[in-house]
Amino acid sequence: MSDLIPLFPLPNVVLFPQVFLPLRIFEPRYRAMVADALAGDRVIGMALLRPGWEAAYEERPPIYKVGCSGVITHFEKLPDGRYNIVLRGVERFTVEHEDHTRPYRRAEVRPLPESRLSADDQSALGRQRHKLEGLLSPAVSSVGGESIRAAAMNDSDLVNALSQYLDFEPLEKQALLERPCLRTRAEALIELLEMRMLLAKTPGATRTPN
């Protein structure tokens, strides 16, 4: 991943490593971003806008510093200049410094590799996966409009795909992305699912994003 990458900040989208994300690009500044990315390494960094972004959307409203880079795996340029693209998540990053020399946002970023799992972590992750599959039973075939074949996915891909595709609030997804390793992300994912199930059984209850 380059030290300086384009940023695509959105108010409701969080990208996770090894997960695919379809996007439609229509704003002129982000059309330029995609054109530049396609002419280079095809990398774009996704970042979540902080609450209150509406008043300054056309400028550079604040973002959460932890995001995820993605590589453009497919693209279609439409006759009117818009793009349809598909990103595949690559690696988490933290924004160190923003560059303001282009119409679109760019940033110097520091990669945040997933923390290595110990043997105990691996064992715990196996138990967490079993619990996740139970919470999602009888079977997850499609979430968020995306096909999920849990049995065919490794632990990392399953946890990240569920984190992205399940119907959580953007801030809940951001909290999942910021977890330092797969084990803690799986723990938080289970907590969110259990809370969702509890709220579903409690008449009049509402959920509050973390």
C-alpha atoms as a PDB file:
ATOM      1  CA  MET A   1       0.000   0.000   0.000  1.00  0.00           C
ATOM      2  CA  SER A   2       1.327   3.439  -0.916  1.00  0.00           C
ATOM      3  CA  ASP A   3       2.178   5.902   1.838  1.00  0.00           C
ATOM      4  CA  LEU A   4       0.029   8.513   0.070  1.00  0.00           C
ATOM      5  CA  ILE A   5      -3.359   7.265  -1.085  1.00  0.00           C
ATOM      6  CA  PRO A   6      -6.622   8.857  -2.258  1.00  0.00           C
ATOM      7  CA  LEU A   7      -9.400   8.924   0.328  1.00  0.00           C
ATOM      8  CA  PHE A   8     -13.065   8.332  -0.379  1.00  0.00           C
ATOM      9  CA  PRO A   9     -14.937   9.447   2.760  1.00  0.00           C
ATOM     10  CA  LEU A  10     -18.585   8.412   3.103  1.00  0.00           C
ATOM     11  CA  PRO A  11     -21.098   8.779   5.949  1.00  0.00           C
ATOM     12  CA  ASN A  12     -22.415   5.216   5.934  1.00  0.00           C
ATOM     13  CA  VAL A  13     -19.808   2.849   4.451  1.00  0.00           C
ATOM     14  CA  VAL A  14     -17.023   0.954   6.234  1.00  0.00           C
ATOM     15  CA  LEU A  15     -14.717  -1.369   4.292  1.00  0.00           C
ATOM     16  CA  PHE A  16     -13.053  -4.445   5.813  1.00  0.00           C
ATOM     17  CA  PRO A  17     -10.012  -6.419   4.605  1.00  0.00           C
ATOM     18  CA  GLN A  18     -10.705  -9.078   1.959  1.00  0.00           C
ATOM     19  CA  VAL A  19     -14.345  -7.979   1.550  1.00  0.00           C
ATOM     20  CA  PHE A  20     -15.770  -6.675  -1.727  1.00  0.00           C
ATOM     21  CA  LEU A  21     -17.558  -3.327  -1.950  1.00  0.00           C
ATOM     22  CA  PRO A  22     -19.461  -2.090  -5.044  1.00  0.00           C
ATOM     23  CA  LEU A  23     -19.576   1.690  -5.445  1.00  0.00           C
ATOM     24  CA  ARG A  24     -21.080   4.176  -7.900  1.00  0.00           C
ATOM     25  CA  ILE A  25     -18.914   7.249  -8.388  1.00  0.00           C
ATOM     26  CA  PHE A  26     -20.704  10.354  -9.661  1.00  0.00           C
ATOM     27  CA  GLU A  27     -19.181  13.481  -8.076  1.00  0.00           C
ATOM     28  CA  PRO A  28     -16.616  15.169 -10.377  1.00  0.00           C
ATOM     29  CA  ARG A  29     -13.877  15.174  -7.720  1.00  0.00           C
ATOM     30  CA  TYR A  30     -14.266  11.465  -7.124  1.00  0.00           C
ATOM     31  CA  ARG A  31     -14.461  10.689 -10.830  1.00  0.00           C
ATOM     32  CA  ALA A  32     -11.015  12.320 -11.017  1.00  0.00           C
ATOM     33  CA  MET A  33      -9.929  10.202  -8.052  1.00  0.00           C
ATOM     34  CA  VAL A  34     -10.973   6.977  -9.768  1.00  0.00           C
ATOM     35  CA  ALA A  35      -9.352   7.990 -13.055  1.00  0.00           C
ATOM     36  CA  ASP A  36      -6.077   8.692 -11.238  1.00  0.00           C
ATOM     37  CA  ALA A  37      -6.286   5.431  -9.298  1.00  0.00           C
ATOM     38  CA  LEU A  38      -6.895   3.439 -12.484  1.00  0.00           C
ATOM     39  CA  ALA A  39      -3.858   5.065 -14.038  1.00  0.00           C
ATOM     40  CA  GLY A  40      -1.775   4.059 -11.016  1.00  0.00           C
ATOM     41  CA  ASP A  41      -1.916   1.243  -8.474  1.00  0.00           C
ATOM     42  CA  ARG A  42      -5.753   1.158  -8.303  1.00  0.00           C
ATOM     43  CA  VAL A  43      -5.727   1.750  -4.537  1.00  0.00           C
ATOM     44  CA  ILE A  44      -8.354   3.873  -2.762  1.00  0.00           C
ATOM     45  CA  GLY A  45      -8.727   4.351   0.984  1.00  0.00           C
ATOM     46  CA  MET A  46     -12.217   4.225   2.471  1.00  0.00           C
ATOM     47  CA  ALA A  47     -12.878   6.371   5.560  1.00  0.00           C
ATOM     48  CA  LEU A  48     -16.013   7.075   7.585  1.00  0.00           C
ATOM     49  CA  LEU A  49     -17.166  10.669   7.998  1.00  0.00           C
ATOM     50  CA  ARG A  50     -17.695  11.826  11.570  1.00  0.00           C
ATOM     51  CA  PRO A  51     -21.172  12.970  12.678  1.00  0.00           C
ATOM     52  CA  GLY A  52     -21.966  16.545  11.645  1.00  0.00           C
ATOM     53  CA  TRP A  53     -20.430  16.134   8.184  1.00  0.00           C
ATOM     54  CA  GLU A  54     -23.535  17.480   6.407  1.00  0.00           C
ATOM     55  CA  ALA A  55     -22.709  21.171   6.857  1.00  0.00           C
ATOM     56  CA  ALA A  56     -19.281  20.813   5.226  1.00  0.00           C
ATOM     57  CA  TYR A  57     -19.670  17.875   2.844  1.00  0.00           C
ATOM     58  CA  GLU A  58     -18.451  19.834  -0.171  1.00  0.00           C
ATOM     59  CA  GLU A  59     -15.290  20.717   1.756  1.00  0.00           C
ATOM     60  CA  ARG A  60     -13.225  18.350   3.922  1.00  0.00           C
ATOM     61  CA  PRO A  61     -15.273  17.407   6.997  1.00  0.00           C
ATOM     62  CA  PRO A  62     -13.586  15.382   9.756  1.00  0.00           C
ATOM     63  CA  ILE A  63     -13.182  11.630   9.344  1.00  0.00           C
ATOM     64  CA  TYR A  64     -12.362   8.744  11.635  1.00  0.00           C
ATOM     65  CA  LYS A  65      -8.641   8.133  11.415  1.00  0.00           C
ATOM     66  CA  VAL A  66      -8.843   4.358  11.025  1.00  0.00           C
ATOM     67  CA  GLY A  67      -9.928   3.235   7.561  1.00  0.00           C
ATOM     68  CA  CYS A  68      -9.263   0.452   5.098  1.00  0.00           C
ATOM     69  CA  SER A  69      -7.518   0.523   1.745  1.00  0.00           C
ATOM     70  CA  GLY A  70      -9.092  -1.209  -1.219  1.00  0.00           C
ATOM     71  CA  VAL A  71      -7.927  -2.156  -4.684  1.00  0.00           C
ATOM     72  CA  ILE A  72     -10.201  -1.669  -7.701  1.00  0.00           C
ATOM     73  CA  THR A  73     -10.844  -5.143  -9.076  1.00  0.00           C
ATOM     74  CA  HIS A  74     -13.554  -4.200 -11.599  1.00  0.00           C
ATOM     75  CA  PHE A  75     -14.685  -0.944 -13.150  1.00  0.00           C
ATOM     76  CA  GLU A  76     -17.119   0.368 -15.725  1.00  0.00           C
ATOM     77  CA  LYS A  77     -16.992   3.916 -17.052  1.00  0.00           C
ATOM     78  CA  LEU A  78     -20.441   5.105 -18.054  1.00  0.00           C
ATOM     79  CA  PRO A  79     -21.113   7.413 -21.038  1.00  0.00           C
ATOM     80  CA  ASP A  80     -21.850  10.370 -18.737  1.00  0.00           C
ATOM     81  CA  GLY A  81     -18.467  10.031 -16.995  1.00  0.00           C
ATOM     82  CA  ARG A  82     -19.654   8.212 -13.881  1.00  0.00           C
ATOM     83  CA  TYR A  83     -17.986   4.999 -12.750  1.00  0.00           C
ATOM     84  CA  ASN A  84     -19.211   1.742 -11.328  1.00  0.00           C
ATOM     85  CA  ILE A  85     -16.355   0.113  -9.435  1.00  0.00           C
ATOM     86  CA  VAL A  86     -15.739  -2.816  -7.113  1.00  0.00           C
ATOM     87  CA  LEU A  87     -13.169  -2.531  -4.330  1.00  0.00           C
ATOM     88  CA  ARG A  88     -11.589  -5.443  -2.521  1.00  0.00           C
ATOM     89  CA  GLY A  89     -10.465  -4.517   0.980  1.00  0.00           C
ATOM     90  CA  VAL A  90      -6.716  -4.858   1.481  1.00  0.00           C
ATOM     91  CA  GLU A  91      -5.460  -3.504   4.808  1.00  0.00           C
ATOM     92  CA  ARG A  92      -6.507  -1.269   7.672  1.00  0.00           C
ATOM     93  CA  PHE A  93      -4.679   2.019   8.077  1.00  0.00           C
ATOM     94  CA  THR A  94      -4.564   5.111  10.245  1.00  0.00           C
ATOM     95  CA  VAL A  95      -4.439   8.573   8.698  1.00  0.00           C
ATOM     96  CA  GLU A  96      -1.258  10.446   9.624  1.00  0.00           C
ATOM     97  CA  HIS A  97      -1.615  13.595   7.516  1.00  0.00           C
ATOM     98  CA  GLU A  98      -3.898  14.831   4.739  1.00  0.00           C
ATOM     99  CA  ASP A  99      -2.628  16.237   1.456  1.00  0.00           C
ATOM    100  CA  HIS A 100      -4.651  19.086  -0.100  1.00  0.00           C
ATOM    101  CA  THR A 101      -3.052  19.378  -3.537  1.00  0.00           C
ATOM    102  CA  ARG A 102      -5.841  17.607  -5.459  1.00  0.00           C
ATOM    103  CA  PRO A 103      -9.582  18.301  -5.778  1.00  0.00           C
ATOM    104  CA  TYR A 104     -10.226  15.037  -3.924  1.00  0.00           C
ATOM    105  CA  ARG A 105      -8.792  14.054  -0.556  1.00  0.00           C
ATOM    106  CA  ARG A 106      -5.502  12.208  -0.169  1.00  0.00           C
ATOM    107  CA  ALA A 107      -3.637  11.176   2.941  1.00  0.00           C
ATOM    108  CA  GLU A 108      -0.372   9.816   4.190  1.00  0.00           C
ATOM    109  CA  VAL A 109      -1.363   6.647   6.002  1.00  0.00           C
ATOM    110  CA  ARG A 110       0.294   4.125   8.282  1.00  0.00           C
ATOM    111  CA  PRO A 111      -0.714   0.479   7.734  1.00  0.00           C
ATOM    112  CA  LEU A 112      -2.354  -1.305  10.666  1.00  0.00           C
ATOM    113  CA  PRO A 113      -1.706  -5.021  10.139  1.00  0.00           C
ATOM    114  CA  GLU A 114      -3.941  -7.341  12.110  1.00  0.00           C
ATOM    115  CA  SER A 115      -2.273  -8.385  15.381  1.00  0.00           C
ATOM    116  CA  ARG A 116      -0.861 -11.903  15.213  1.00  0.00           C
ATOM    117  CA  LEU A 117      -2.980 -14.506  16.999  1.00  0.00           C
ATOM    118  CA  SER A 118      -1.474 -16.785  19.632  1.00  0.00           C
ATOM    119  CA  ALA A 119      -2.417 -20.453  19.963  1.00  0.00           C
ATOM    120  CA  ASP A 120      -4.906 -19.457  22.677  1.00  0.00           C
ATOM    121  CA  ASP A 121      -6.357 -16.798  20.353  1.00  0.00           C
ATOM    122  CA  GLN A 122      -6.770 -19.361  17.574  1.00  0.00           C
ATOM    123  CA  SER A 123      -8.546 -21.742  19.929  1.00  0.00           C
ATOM    124  CA  ALA A 124     -10.842 -18.965  21.175  1.00  0.00           C
ATOM    125  CA  LEU A 125     -11.550 -17.903  17.598  1.00  0.00           C
ATOM    126  CA  GLY A 126     -12.704 -21.426  16.769  1.00  0.00           C
ATOM    127  CA  ARG A 127     -15.210 -21.253  19.629  1.00  0.00           C
ATOM    128  CA  GLN A 128     -16.306 -17.784  18.547  1.00  0.00           C
ATOM    129  CA  ARG A 129     -16.881 -18.975  14.997  1.00  0.00           C
ATOM    130  CA  HIS A 130     -19.055 -21.809  16.285  1.00  0.00           C
ATOM    131  CA  LYS A 131     -21.063 -19.315  18.346  1.00  0.00           C
ATOM    132  CA  LEU A 132     -21.387 -16.933  15.389  1.00  0.00           C
ATOM    133  CA  GLU A 133     -22.706 -19.696  13.163  1.00  0.00           C
ATOM    134  CA  GLY A 134     -25.207 -20.586  15.893  1.00  0.00           C
ATOM    135  CA  LEU A 135     -26.396 -16.994  16.220  1.00  0.00           C
ATOM    136  CA  LEU A 136     -26.838 -16.825  12.468  1.00  0.00           C
ATOM    137  CA  SER A 137     -28.523 -20.208  12.130  1.00  0.00           C
ATOM    138  CA  PRO A 138     -30.207 -21.967  10.483  1.00  0.00           C
ATOM    139  CA  ALA A 139     -27.851 -20.672   7.767  1.00  0.00           C
ATOM    140  CA  VAL A 140     -26.689 -17.400   6.346  1.00  0.00           C
ATOM    141  CA  SER A 141     -27.110 -17.390   2.589  1.00  0.00           C
ATOM    142  CA  SER A 142     -27.390 -13.653   2.003  1.00  0.00           C
ATOM    143  CA  VAL A 143     -26.813 -10.579   4.150  1.00  0.00           C
ATOM    144  CA  GLY A 144     -26.806  -7.020   2.970  1.00  0.00           C
ATOM    145  CA  GLY A 145     -27.621  -8.253  -0.525  1.00  0.00           C
ATOM    146  CA  GLU A 146     -24.374 -10.244  -0.657  1.00  0.00           C
ATOM    147  CA  SER A 147     -24.027 -14.015  -0.838  1.00  0.00           C
ATOM    148  CA  ILE A 148     -22.357 -15.565   2.223  1.00  0.00           C
ATOM    149  CA  ARG A 149     -21.266 -19.224   2.296  1.00  0.00           C
ATOM    150  CA  ALA A 150     -19.993 -19.492   5.848  1.00  0.00           C
ATOM    151  CA  ALA A 151     -18.755 -23.077   5.598  1.00  0.00           C
ATOM    152  CA  ALA A 152     -16.540 -22.220   2.630  1.00  0.00           C
ATOM    153  CA  MET A 153     -14.903 -19.193   4.282  1.00  0.00           C
ATOM    154  CA  ASN A 154     -11.913 -19.066   6.605  1.00  0.00           C
ATOM    155  CA  ASP A 155     -12.270 -17.394  10.001  1.00  0.00           C
ATOM    156  CA  SER A 156     -10.834 -14.045   8.919  1.00  0.00           C
ATOM    157  CA  ASP A 157     -12.963 -13.730   5.792  1.00  0.00           C
ATOM    158  CA  LEU A 158     -16.131 -14.759   7.638  1.00  0.00           C
ATOM    159  CA  VAL A 159     -15.699 -12.309  10.528  1.00  0.00           C
ATOM    160  CA  ASN A 160     -14.828  -9.427   8.207  1.00  0.00           C
ATOM    161  CA  ALA A 161     -17.640 -10.204   5.750  1.00  0.00           C
ATOM    162  CA  LEU A 162     -20.232 -10.331   8.531  1.00  0.00           C
ATOM    163  CA  SER A 163     -18.839  -7.116  10.031  1.00  0.00           C
ATOM    164  CA  GLN A 164     -19.342  -5.359   6.709  1.00  0.00           C
ATOM    165  CA  TYR A 165     -22.539  -6.898   5.391  1.00  0.00           C
ATOM    166  CA  LEU A 166     -24.717  -7.265   8.492  1.00  0.00           C
ATOM    167  CA  ASP A 167     -27.171  -4.460   9.213  1.00  0.00           C
ATOM    168  CA  PHE A 168     -25.201  -2.577  11.837  1.00  0.00           C
ATOM    169  CA  GLU A 169     -24.997   1.167  12.297  1.00  0.00           C
ATOM    170  CA  PRO A 170     -21.958   2.810  10.605  1.00  0.00           C
ATOM    171  CA  LEU A 171     -20.468   3.686  14.005  1.00  0.00           C
ATOM    172  CA  GLU A 172     -20.836   0.065  15.110  1.00  0.00           C
ATOM    173  CA  LYS A 173     -19.008  -1.072  11.987  1.00  0.00           C
ATOM    174  CA  GLN A 174     -16.302   1.532  12.582  1.00  0.00           C
ATOM    175  CA  ALA A 175     -15.820   0.178  16.102  1.00  0.00           C
ATOM    176  CA  LEU A 176     -15.440  -3.325  14.651  1.00  0.00           C
ATOM    177  CA  LEU A 177     -12.857  -2.106  12.134  1.00  0.00           C
ATOM    178  CA  GLU A 178     -10.839  -0.470  14.900  1.00  0.00           C
ATOM    179  CA  ARG A 179     -10.534  -3.711  16.865  1.00  0.00           C
ATOM    180  CA  PRO A 180      -6.833  -4.661  16.873  1.00  0.00           C
ATOM    181  CA  CYS A 181      -7.191  -8.331  15.929  1.00  0.00           C
ATOM    182  CA  LEU A 182      -9.579 -10.909  14.576  1.00  0.00           C
ATOM    183  CA  ARG A 183     -10.339 -12.393  18.004  1.00  0.00           C
ATOM    184  CA  THR A 184     -11.460  -9.078  19.512  1.00  0.00           C
ATOM    185  CA  ARG A 185     -13.434  -8.249  16.359  1.00  0.00           C
ATOM    186  CA  ALA A 186     -15.233 -11.589  16.590  1.00  0.00           C
ATOM    187  CA  GLU A 187     -15.965 -10.940  20.284  1.00  0.00           C
ATOM    188  CA  ALA A 188     -17.466  -7.542  19.482  1.00  0.00           C
ATOM    189  CA  LEU A 189     -19.437  -8.991  16.570  1.00  0.00           C
ATOM    190  CA  ILE A 190     -20.978 -11.605  18.857  1.00  0.00           C
ATOM    191  CA  GLU A 191     -21.860  -8.917  21.417  1.00  0.00           C
ATOM    192  CA  LEU A 192     -23.611  -6.848  18.736  1.00  0.00           C
ATOM    193  CA  LEU A 193     -25.576  -9.838  17.474  1.00  0.00           C
ATOM    194  CA  GLU A 194     -26.596 -10.861  20.996  1.00  0.00           C
ATOM    195  CA  MET A 195     -27.691  -7.305  21.754  1.00  0.00           C
ATOM    196  CA  ARG A 196     -29.689  -7.219  18.527  1.00  0.00           C
ATOM    197  CA  MET A 197     -31.430 -10.458  19.472  1.00  0.00           C
ATOM    198  CA  LEU A 198     -32.190  -9.128  22.973  1.00  0.00           C
ATOM    199  CA  LEU A 199     -33.664  -5.916  21.588  1.00  0.00           C
ATOM    200  CA  ALA A 200     -35.786  -7.907  19.150  1.00  0.00           C
ATOM    201  CA  LYS A 201     -37.324  -9.740  22.118  1.00  0.00           C
ATOM    202  CA  THR A 202     -37.931  -6.528  24.111  1.00  0.00           C
ATOM    203  CA  PRO A 203     -41.023  -4.560  22.966  1.00  0.00           C
ATOM    204  CA  GLY A 204     -40.345  -0.852  22.537  1.00  0.00           C
ATOM    205  CA  ALA A 205     -36.582  -1.187  22.944  1.00  0.00           C
ATOM    206  CA  THR A 206     -34.271   0.867  20.751  1.00  0.00           C
ATOM    207  CA  ARG A 207     -30.592   0.417  20.049  1.00  0.00           C
ATOM    208  CA  THR A 208     -27.985   3.052  20.598  1.00  0.00           C
ATOM    209  CA  PRO A 209     -24.767   2.949  18.503  1.00  0.00           C
ATOM    210  CA  ASN A 210     -21.559   2.551  20.523  1.00  0.00           C
END
